[in-house]
Amino acid sequence: MSTTPPRALTGIKIIDMTSVVFGPLATQMLGDLGADVIKVESPDGDMLRAVIPYQNPGMGAAFLGTNRNKRSVVLDLKTPEGREQLLALLKDADVFVSSIRPNALARLSLSPEVLRELNPKLITVAAVGFGSDGPYADKPAYDDSVQSVSGMAGLTTMQNPDNPPAYAPTIIADKLGGVTAAHAITTALFHRERTGEAQHVEVPMFETLASFLLVEHMAAATFEDEPQSFGYKRMLVPHRRPVQTKDGYITILPYSNAQWARFFTAVGREEMLDHPWVTSMDERSANIGGIYDMVAQIAPERTTADWITLMEKADIPAMPVRSLKDLPQDPHLAATGFFQQIDHPTEGPIWTTKPAVKYSATPARYDIAPVPKLGEHNEDILNKPKLE
């Protein structure tokens, strides 16, 4: 009798016709939760396969980071045979997720309406750059272009008009889109479980990132007749940055009135305890750059380790600034087993990370099925004998 705990999405079949990061990250998250994810690739394969670094062609590091717990089949949808093979996979699938633009899908006779006739229980998901009801609908989209148009790249200029726009040094639009798509798919599955009704789901990168940014940056524009006063001041002041200590950098973040009072007490600046910047959140918010600058001026008096000890005693949030290469030695990540080395059948020992979310009854797994080679499962999936 198996002692392996069940996973939440065991028995759910997902046909994944996405590429790069946006869609594949979403379906990897669902595969970690037990879904049977069949990755449909063209004869050329997902372009992310070719992105360096890699040990073997077609198995790039970023591809390995977004395609575990999947099976790969190669189908040429430009041929009648390839399209018929895809339709056969979709007949008993639960979810079809695609990053092909909707008009191109329609030309292949793979629109949600056509597929719903084939399989009334099929949830169709469009992972797109821009929502279908706007003038950008047919534009191609990549992370950098979405960072530009969403306001993300312009945040640096809001900090200082002399700063040029800049991309965040991570593919935030793709990854946020992937997390949002995973949430949207599980929501649609839950709705179908309760009502029996399948539906079409559209997840646009642009709108997803813009709404994400405006959680705080809507700011005063929230209350205006014509929204204009965007930007949350605390996020945009130039002094909001890690501060330099005697031997490195640290983030020290008092937030409440009580925390600021404890901070100034800890550093021997009791004259600040009755200052409006400490006693009034409104006054502090209006002058946030000034009080952050005070922290920056005080920080070089102590080492990073001394600051951590002092702030822990005062119960004030503080963390050292680390680089990515420091993370494998981080004591918290080491204790939680965050980094895991697995033995890939073609790539040998490779490092991966455990899913961050913990489920007490249905744990997510990172090690069930290794990232597949291109078309590795064609024989198993496409040529499986039909049951009589």
Protein backbone atom coordinates (compact mmCIF):
# COMPACT_ATOMS: atom_id res chain seq x y z
CA MET A 1 0.00 0.00 0.00
CA SER A 2 1.45 3.36 -1.02
CA THR A 3 2.36 5.80 1.72
CA THR A 4 2.82 8.70 -0.71
CA PRO A 5 0.38 11.50 0.22
CA PRO A 6 -2.18 12.37 -2.46
CA ARG A 7 -1.71 15.57 -4.42
CA ALA A 8 -4.49 18.09 -4.90
CA LEU A 9 -4.75 17.90 -8.70
CA THR A 10 -4.18 14.18 -9.24
CA GLY A 11 -6.47 13.03 -12.05
CA ILE A 12 -6.55 16.43 -13.80
CA LYS A 13 -5.28 16.32 -17.40
CA ILE A 14 -3.81 19.54 -18.81
CA ILE A 15 -2.79 20.05 -22.41
CA ASP A 16 -0.11 22.73 -22.33
CA MET A 17 0.57 24.52 -25.60
CA THR A 18 2.61 27.37 -24.14
CA SER A 19 6.23 28.37 -24.44
CA VAL A 20 8.97 30.46 -22.81
CA VAL A 21 8.05 31.27 -19.16
CA PHE A 22 4.54 32.71 -18.73
CA GLY A 23 2.50 29.59 -19.51
CA PRO A 24 5.11 26.95 -18.65
CA LEU A 25 5.58 28.33 -15.12
CA ALA A 26 1.82 28.13 -14.55
CA THR A 27 1.56 24.54 -15.74
CA GLN A 28 4.66 23.50 -13.80
CA MET A 29 2.99 24.77 -10.63
CA LEU A 30 -0.06 22.65 -11.48
CA GLY A 31 2.13 19.65 -12.29
CA ASP A 32 3.78 20.02 -8.87
CA LEU A 33 0.27 19.64 -7.43
CA GLY A 34 -0.36 16.40 -9.28
CA ALA A 35 -1.90 17.38 -12.61
CA ASP A 36 -0.90 15.31 -15.65
CA VAL A 37 0.60 18.04 -17.82
CA ILE A 38 1.21 17.12 -21.45
CA LYS A 39 3.45 19.74 -23.05
CA VAL A 40 2.70 20.04 -26.77
CA GLU A 41 5.67 21.37 -28.72
CA SER A 42 6.31 22.14 -32.36
CA PRO A 43 9.04 20.16 -34.16
CA ASP A 44 11.44 23.01 -33.29
CA GLY A 45 10.51 22.82 -29.60
CA ASP A 46 9.90 25.53 -27.03
CA MET A 47 12.41 28.31 -27.82
CA LEU A 48 13.38 28.41 -24.14
CA ARG A 49 15.09 25.06 -24.63
CA ALA A 50 17.83 26.83 -26.60
CA VAL A 51 18.55 29.62 -24.12
CA ILE A 52 21.99 29.31 -22.52
CA PRO A 53 23.39 28.11 -20.22
CA TYR A 54 22.93 24.42 -20.94
CA GLN A 55 24.93 21.22 -20.75
CA ASN A 56 23.15 19.62 -23.67
CA PRO A 57 21.37 21.41 -26.52
CA GLY A 58 17.64 21.70 -25.98
CA MET A 59 17.85 21.53 -22.18
CA GLY A 60 18.65 25.10 -21.10
CA ALA A 61 18.69 26.01 -17.42
CA ALA A 62 15.63 28.27 -17.63
CA PHE A 63 13.72 25.51 -19.45
CA LEU A 64 14.69 23.08 -16.68
CA GLY A 65 13.32 25.61 -14.19
CA THR A 66 9.84 25.80 -15.74
CA ASN A 67 8.99 22.36 -17.13
CA ARG A 68 9.33 19.68 -14.47
CA ASN A 69 6.45 17.28 -13.81
CA LYS A 70 5.38 17.31 -17.47
CA ARG A 71 5.40 14.97 -20.45
CA SER A 72 6.45 16.22 -23.89
CA VAL A 73 4.93 15.41 -27.26
CA VAL A 74 5.82 16.92 -30.62
CA LEU A 75 2.94 17.79 -32.94
CA ASP A 76 3.06 19.70 -36.21
CA LEU A 77 -0.21 21.61 -36.14
CA LYS A 78 0.36 22.79 -39.70
CA THR A 79 -0.50 19.27 -40.85
CA PRO A 80 -3.92 17.59 -40.68
CA GLU A 81 -2.38 14.68 -38.77
CA GLY A 82 -0.90 16.95 -36.11
CA ARG A 83 -4.19 18.75 -35.58
CA GLU A 84 -6.10 15.45 -35.33
CA GLN A 85 -3.61 14.18 -32.75
CA LEU A 86 -4.11 17.33 -30.68
CA LEU A 87 -7.89 16.98 -30.87
CA ALA A 88 -7.58 13.38 -29.71
CA LEU A 89 -5.64 14.57 -26.64
CA LEU A 90 -8.25 17.23 -25.93
CA LYS A 91 -11.26 14.89 -26.03
CA ASP A 92 -10.79 13.80 -22.43
CA ALA A 93 -8.67 16.70 -21.13
CA ASP A 94 -9.72 19.00 -18.32
CA VAL A 95 -7.72 22.08 -19.33
CA PHE A 96 -6.22 23.41 -22.56
CA VAL A 97 -3.84 26.33 -22.02
CA SER A 98 -2.20 28.10 -24.94
CA SER A 99 0.04 31.10 -25.46
CA ILE A 100 -0.68 31.23 -29.20
CA ARG A 101 -2.53 34.42 -30.05
CA PRO A 102 -6.31 33.83 -30.28
CA ASN A 103 -6.57 34.79 -33.97
CA ALA A 104 -3.91 32.23 -34.84
CA LEU A 105 -5.76 29.57 -32.83
CA ALA A 106 -8.96 30.41 -34.66
CA ARG A 107 -7.19 29.93 -38.01
CA LEU A 108 -6.22 26.46 -36.80
CA SER A 109 -9.88 25.80 -35.88
CA LEU A 110 -8.86 25.58 -32.21
CA SER A 111 -10.98 28.42 -30.84
CA PRO A 112 -12.67 27.92 -27.44
CA GLU A 113 -16.04 27.58 -29.18
CA VAL A 114 -14.83 24.79 -31.48
CA LEU A 115 -13.10 22.95 -28.64
CA ARG A 116 -16.15 23.19 -26.40
CA GLU A 117 -18.14 21.30 -29.03
CA LEU A 118 -15.46 18.60 -28.96
CA ASN A 119 -15.33 18.43 -25.16
CA PRO A 120 -18.01 20.34 -23.20
CA LYS A 121 -16.06 19.91 -19.94
CA LEU A 122 -12.87 21.46 -21.32
CA ILE A 123 -11.61 24.63 -19.64
CA THR A 124 -9.77 26.72 -22.23
CA VAL A 125 -7.13 29.21 -21.13
CA ALA A 126 -5.48 31.96 -23.18
CA ALA A 127 -2.16 33.17 -21.76
CA VAL A 128 -1.83 36.37 -23.78
CA GLY A 129 0.12 39.60 -23.77
CA PHE A 130 -2.88 41.92 -23.93
CA GLY A 131 -6.59 41.51 -23.28
CA SER A 132 -8.71 40.58 -26.29
CA ASP A 133 -11.08 43.55 -25.90
CA GLY A 134 -8.46 46.26 -26.44
CA PRO A 135 -6.50 47.68 -29.39
CA TYR A 136 -3.28 45.90 -28.31
CA ALA A 137 -4.93 42.48 -28.57
CA ASP A 138 -2.97 41.32 -31.61
CA LYS A 139 0.40 42.76 -30.61
CA PRO A 140 3.24 40.39 -29.75
CA ALA A 141 4.33 40.65 -26.13
CA TYR A 142 7.52 39.95 -24.25
CA ASP A 143 8.47 40.77 -20.70
CA ASP A 144 10.46 43.90 -21.54
CA SER A 145 7.71 45.39 -23.70
CA VAL A 146 5.10 44.75 -21.00
CA GLN A 147 7.35 46.28 -18.34
CA SER A 148 7.58 49.35 -20.59
CA VAL A 149 3.89 49.87 -21.33
CA SER A 150 2.65 48.96 -17.84
CA GLY A 151 4.57 51.72 -16.05
CA MET A 152 7.04 49.32 -14.47
CA ALA A 153 10.06 50.64 -16.37
CA GLY A 154 9.01 54.23 -15.67
CA LEU A 155 9.08 53.87 -11.88
CA THR A 156 12.76 54.83 -11.87
CA THR A 157 11.88 58.15 -13.53
CA MET A 158 9.17 58.74 -10.92
CA GLN A 159 11.88 58.35 -8.29
CA ASN A 160 14.02 60.96 -9.99
CA PRO A 161 13.23 62.76 -13.26
CA ASP A 162 16.92 62.53 -14.17
CA ASN A 163 16.79 58.72 -14.09
CA PRO A 164 16.09 56.98 -17.40
CA PRO A 165 13.44 54.25 -17.50
CA ALA A 166 14.81 50.83 -16.52
CA TYR A 167 13.63 47.24 -16.60
CA ALA A 168 13.46 45.29 -13.37
CA PRO A 169 16.34 42.78 -13.60
CA THR A 170 13.94 39.84 -13.63
CA ILE A 171 11.17 38.66 -15.96
CA ILE A 172 8.48 39.94 -13.63
CA ALA A 173 5.68 40.19 -16.21
CA ASP A 174 6.17 36.59 -17.33
CA LYS A 175 6.47 35.19 -13.82
CA LEU A 176 3.60 37.19 -12.33
CA GLY A 177 1.51 36.15 -15.32
CA GLY A 178 2.39 32.52 -14.68
CA VAL A 179 1.42 32.64 -11.02
CA THR A 180 -1.83 34.42 -11.94
CA ALA A 181 -2.61 31.86 -14.64
CA ALA A 182 -2.10 28.98 -12.19
CA HIS A 183 -4.52 30.67 -9.78
CA ALA A 184 -7.02 31.29 -12.60
CA ILE A 185 -6.92 27.66 -13.76
CA THR A 186 -7.48 26.26 -10.27
CA THR A 187 -10.37 28.72 -9.82
CA ALA A 188 -11.97 27.53 -13.07
CA LEU A 189 -11.50 23.91 -12.00
CA PHE A 190 -13.15 24.66 -8.66
CA HIS A 191 -16.08 26.33 -10.42
CA ARG A 192 -16.49 23.34 -12.72
CA GLU A 193 -16.35 20.98 -9.73
CA ARG A 194 -19.19 22.86 -8.06
CA THR A 195 -21.38 23.55 -11.11
CA GLY A 196 -20.27 21.23 -13.92
CA GLU A 197 -19.72 24.29 -16.10
CA ALA A 198 -16.52 24.74 -18.09
CA GLN A 199 -15.45 28.20 -19.19
CA HIS A 200 -12.87 30.20 -21.13
CA VAL A 201 -10.23 32.04 -19.12
CA GLU A 202 -8.02 34.84 -20.42
CA VAL A 203 -4.90 35.90 -18.53
CA PRO A 204 -3.24 39.00 -20.06
CA MET A 205 0.29 39.95 -18.96
CA PHE A 206 -0.22 43.70 -19.43
CA GLU A 207 -3.34 44.08 -17.32
CA THR A 208 -1.99 41.63 -14.73
CA LEU A 209 1.22 43.61 -14.22
CA ALA A 210 -0.51 47.00 -14.34
CA SER A 211 -3.05 46.03 -11.65
CA PHE A 212 -0.23 44.52 -9.58
CA LEU A 213 1.74 47.79 -9.71
CA LEU A 214 -1.29 49.93 -8.89
CA VAL A 215 -2.04 48.17 -5.60
CA GLU A 216 0.03 50.88 -3.90
CA HIS A 217 0.86 53.21 -6.78
CA MET A 218 -2.77 54.18 -7.46
CA ALA A 219 -2.17 56.32 -4.35
CA ALA A 220 -3.90 59.74 -4.42
CA ALA A 221 -5.24 59.08 -7.92
CA THR A 222 -7.77 56.82 -6.18
CA PHE A 223 -9.72 59.88 -5.04
CA GLU A 224 -9.45 62.16 -8.08
CA ASP A 225 -12.10 62.88 -10.68
CA GLU A 226 -9.48 62.23 -13.35
CA PRO A 227 -6.71 59.98 -11.98
CA GLN A 228 -3.36 61.77 -12.22
CA SER A 229 -1.53 61.69 -8.88
CA PHE A 230 -0.09 58.20 -9.14
CA GLY A 231 2.83 56.94 -7.06
CA TYR A 232 3.20 55.79 -3.47
CA LYS A 233 5.73 58.20 -2.02
CA ARG A 234 7.41 55.77 0.39
CA MET A 235 8.28 53.48 -2.52
CA LEU A 236 9.66 56.28 -4.68
CA VAL A 237 11.89 58.37 -2.42
CA PRO A 238 15.56 57.98 -3.37
CA HIS A 239 16.51 57.16 0.24
CA ARG A 240 14.43 53.96 0.15
CA ARG A 241 17.34 51.63 -0.40
CA PRO A 242 19.62 49.33 1.58
CA VAL A 243 21.95 51.34 3.81
CA GLN A 244 25.70 50.93 4.13
CA THR A 245 27.03 49.55 7.40
CA LYS A 246 30.61 49.42 8.63
CA ASP A 247 31.22 46.26 6.59
CA GLY A 248 28.38 45.78 4.14
CA TYR A 249 24.75 46.65 3.48
CA ILE A 250 21.52 46.06 5.37
CA THR A 251 17.82 46.81 5.22
CA ILE A 252 16.51 48.28 8.47
CA LEU A 253 12.77 48.87 8.33
CA PRO A 254 10.95 50.40 11.29
CA TYR A 255 7.38 51.00 10.13
CA SER A 256 4.96 51.77 12.97
CA ASN A 257 5.24 54.62 15.48
CA ALA A 258 6.27 52.11 18.15
CA GLN A 259 8.98 50.60 15.94
CA TRP A 260 10.46 54.01 15.14
CA ALA A 261 10.48 54.87 18.83
CA ARG A 262 12.28 51.61 19.62
CA PHE A 263 14.77 52.26 16.82
CA PHE A 264 15.78 55.68 18.09
CA THR A 265 15.94 54.39 21.65
CA ALA A 266 18.23 51.53 20.55
CA VAL A 267 20.64 53.91 18.78
CA GLY A 268 20.69 56.44 21.63
CA ARG A 269 18.72 59.17 19.86
CA GLU A 270 16.06 59.68 22.51
CA GLU A 271 15.58 63.31 21.40
CA MET A 272 13.67 61.89 18.42
CA LEU A 273 11.02 60.16 20.54
CA ASP A 274 8.74 63.22 20.61
CA HIS A 275 9.49 64.26 17.05
CA PRO A 276 6.44 64.38 14.73
CA TRP A 277 8.24 62.01 12.33
CA VAL A 278 8.07 59.37 15.07
CA THR A 279 4.73 60.16 16.71
CA SER A 280 2.65 60.85 13.58
CA MET A 281 2.42 58.49 10.61
CA ASP A 282 1.06 61.33 8.44
CA GLU A 283 4.04 63.54 9.25
CA ARG A 284 6.43 60.65 8.72
CA SER A 285 4.87 59.78 5.38
CA ALA A 286 5.17 63.37 4.22
CA ASN A 287 8.85 63.42 5.18
CA ILE A 288 9.77 59.79 4.59
CA GLY A 289 12.93 60.62 2.66
CA GLY A 290 14.27 62.61 5.60
CA ILE A 291 13.81 59.89 8.19
CA TYR A 292 15.24 57.25 5.84
CA ASP A 293 18.25 59.51 5.38
CA MET A 294 18.74 59.58 9.15
CA VAL A 295 18.94 55.78 9.17
CA ALA A 296 21.48 55.91 6.33
CA GLN A 297 23.65 58.35 8.31
CA ILE A 298 23.55 56.21 11.47
CA ALA A 299 24.08 52.80 9.79
CA PRO A 300 27.88 53.05 9.21
CA GLU A 301 28.43 53.21 12.99
CA ARG A 302 27.96 49.42 13.32
CA THR A 303 28.71 46.24 11.44
CA THR A 304 25.92 44.35 9.71
CA ALA A 305 26.03 41.60 12.36
CA ASP A 306 25.83 44.16 15.15
CA TRP A 307 22.83 45.78 13.51
CA ILE A 308 21.06 42.44 13.18
CA THR A 309 21.60 41.71 16.88
CA LEU A 310 20.48 45.20 17.93
CA MET A 311 17.36 45.16 15.76
CA GLU A 312 16.39 41.66 16.91
CA LYS A 313 16.49 42.87 20.51
CA ALA A 314 14.32 45.85 19.56
CA ASP A 315 11.97 43.63 17.49
CA ILE A 316 12.48 45.72 14.36
CA PRO A 317 12.61 44.17 10.87
CA ALA A 318 16.18 44.01 9.59
CA MET A 319 17.92 41.76 7.11
CA PRO A 320 21.38 41.72 5.51
CA VAL A 321 21.70 42.38 1.80
CA ARG A 322 22.72 39.20 0.02
CA SER A 323 23.51 38.28 -3.56
CA LEU A 324 21.94 35.32 -5.30
CA LYS A 325 25.13 33.32 -4.86
CA ASP A 326 24.73 33.71 -1.08
CA LEU A 327 21.34 32.00 -0.99
CA PRO A 328 22.54 28.38 -0.84
CA GLN A 329 24.32 29.27 2.42
CA ASP A 330 21.36 31.12 3.91
CA PRO A 331 20.58 29.37 7.22
CA HIS A 332 16.82 29.61 6.83
CA LEU A 333 16.79 28.20 3.29
CA ALA A 334 19.21 25.47 4.37
CA ALA A 335 16.95 24.48 7.27
CA THR A 336 13.87 24.30 5.05
CA GLY A 337 15.62 22.29 2.33
CA PHE A 338 14.80 24.97 -0.21
CA PHE A 339 17.58 23.96 -2.64
CA GLN A 340 17.45 20.36 -3.80
CA GLN A 341 19.78 18.46 -6.09
CA ILE A 342 18.12 15.82 -8.23
CA ASP A 343 19.53 13.30 -10.70
CA HIS A 344 18.16 14.11 -14.14
CA PRO A 345 18.29 11.14 -16.55
CA THR A 346 20.05 13.14 -19.31
CA GLU A 347 21.47 16.20 -17.56
CA GLY A 348 22.92 14.47 -14.51
CA PRO A 349 22.84 16.16 -11.11
CA ILE A 350 20.97 19.47 -11.35
CA TRP A 351 19.80 21.93 -8.72
CA THR A 352 16.19 22.95 -8.31
CA THR A 353 14.05 24.58 -5.66
CA LYS A 354 11.17 23.14 -3.67
CA PRO A 355 7.69 24.62 -4.11
CA ALA A 356 7.34 27.42 -1.58
CA VAL A 357 3.74 26.73 -0.54
CA LYS A 358 3.26 23.98 2.04
CA TYR A 359 0.12 21.82 2.11
CA SER A 360 -0.38 19.60 5.15
CA ALA A 361 -2.59 17.05 3.35
CA THR A 362 -1.66 17.33 -0.35
CA PRO A 363 2.00 18.40 -0.59
CA ALA A 364 3.39 19.77 -3.82
CA ARG A 365 6.25 17.72 -5.30
CA TYR A 366 9.23 18.89 -7.34
CA ASP A 367 10.68 15.43 -7.98
CA ILE A 368 7.96 13.28 -9.55
CA ALA A 369 8.86 13.60 -13.23
CA PRO A 370 12.08 15.13 -14.59
CA VAL A 371 11.96 17.82 -17.27
CA PRO A 372 11.36 15.93 -20.54
CA LYS A 373 13.43 15.88 -23.69
CA LEU A 374 11.69 17.19 -26.81
CA GLY A 375 9.03 14.67 -27.82
CA GLU A 376 10.16 12.20 -25.17
CA HIS A 377 6.64 10.86 -24.60
CA ASN A 378 5.30 10.73 -28.17
CA GLU A 379 5.28 6.95 -28.18
CA ASP A 380 3.58 6.63 -24.79
CA ILE A 381 0.93 9.28 -25.40
CA LEU A 382 0.17 9.24 -29.11
CA ASN A 383 0.47 5.52 -29.77
CA LYS A 384 -1.18 4.20 -26.65
CA PRO A 385 -3.68 1.45 -27.57
CA LYS A 386 -7.26 2.46 -27.10
CA LEU A 387 -9.22 0.55 -24.47
CA GLU A 388 -12.16 -1.36 -25.88
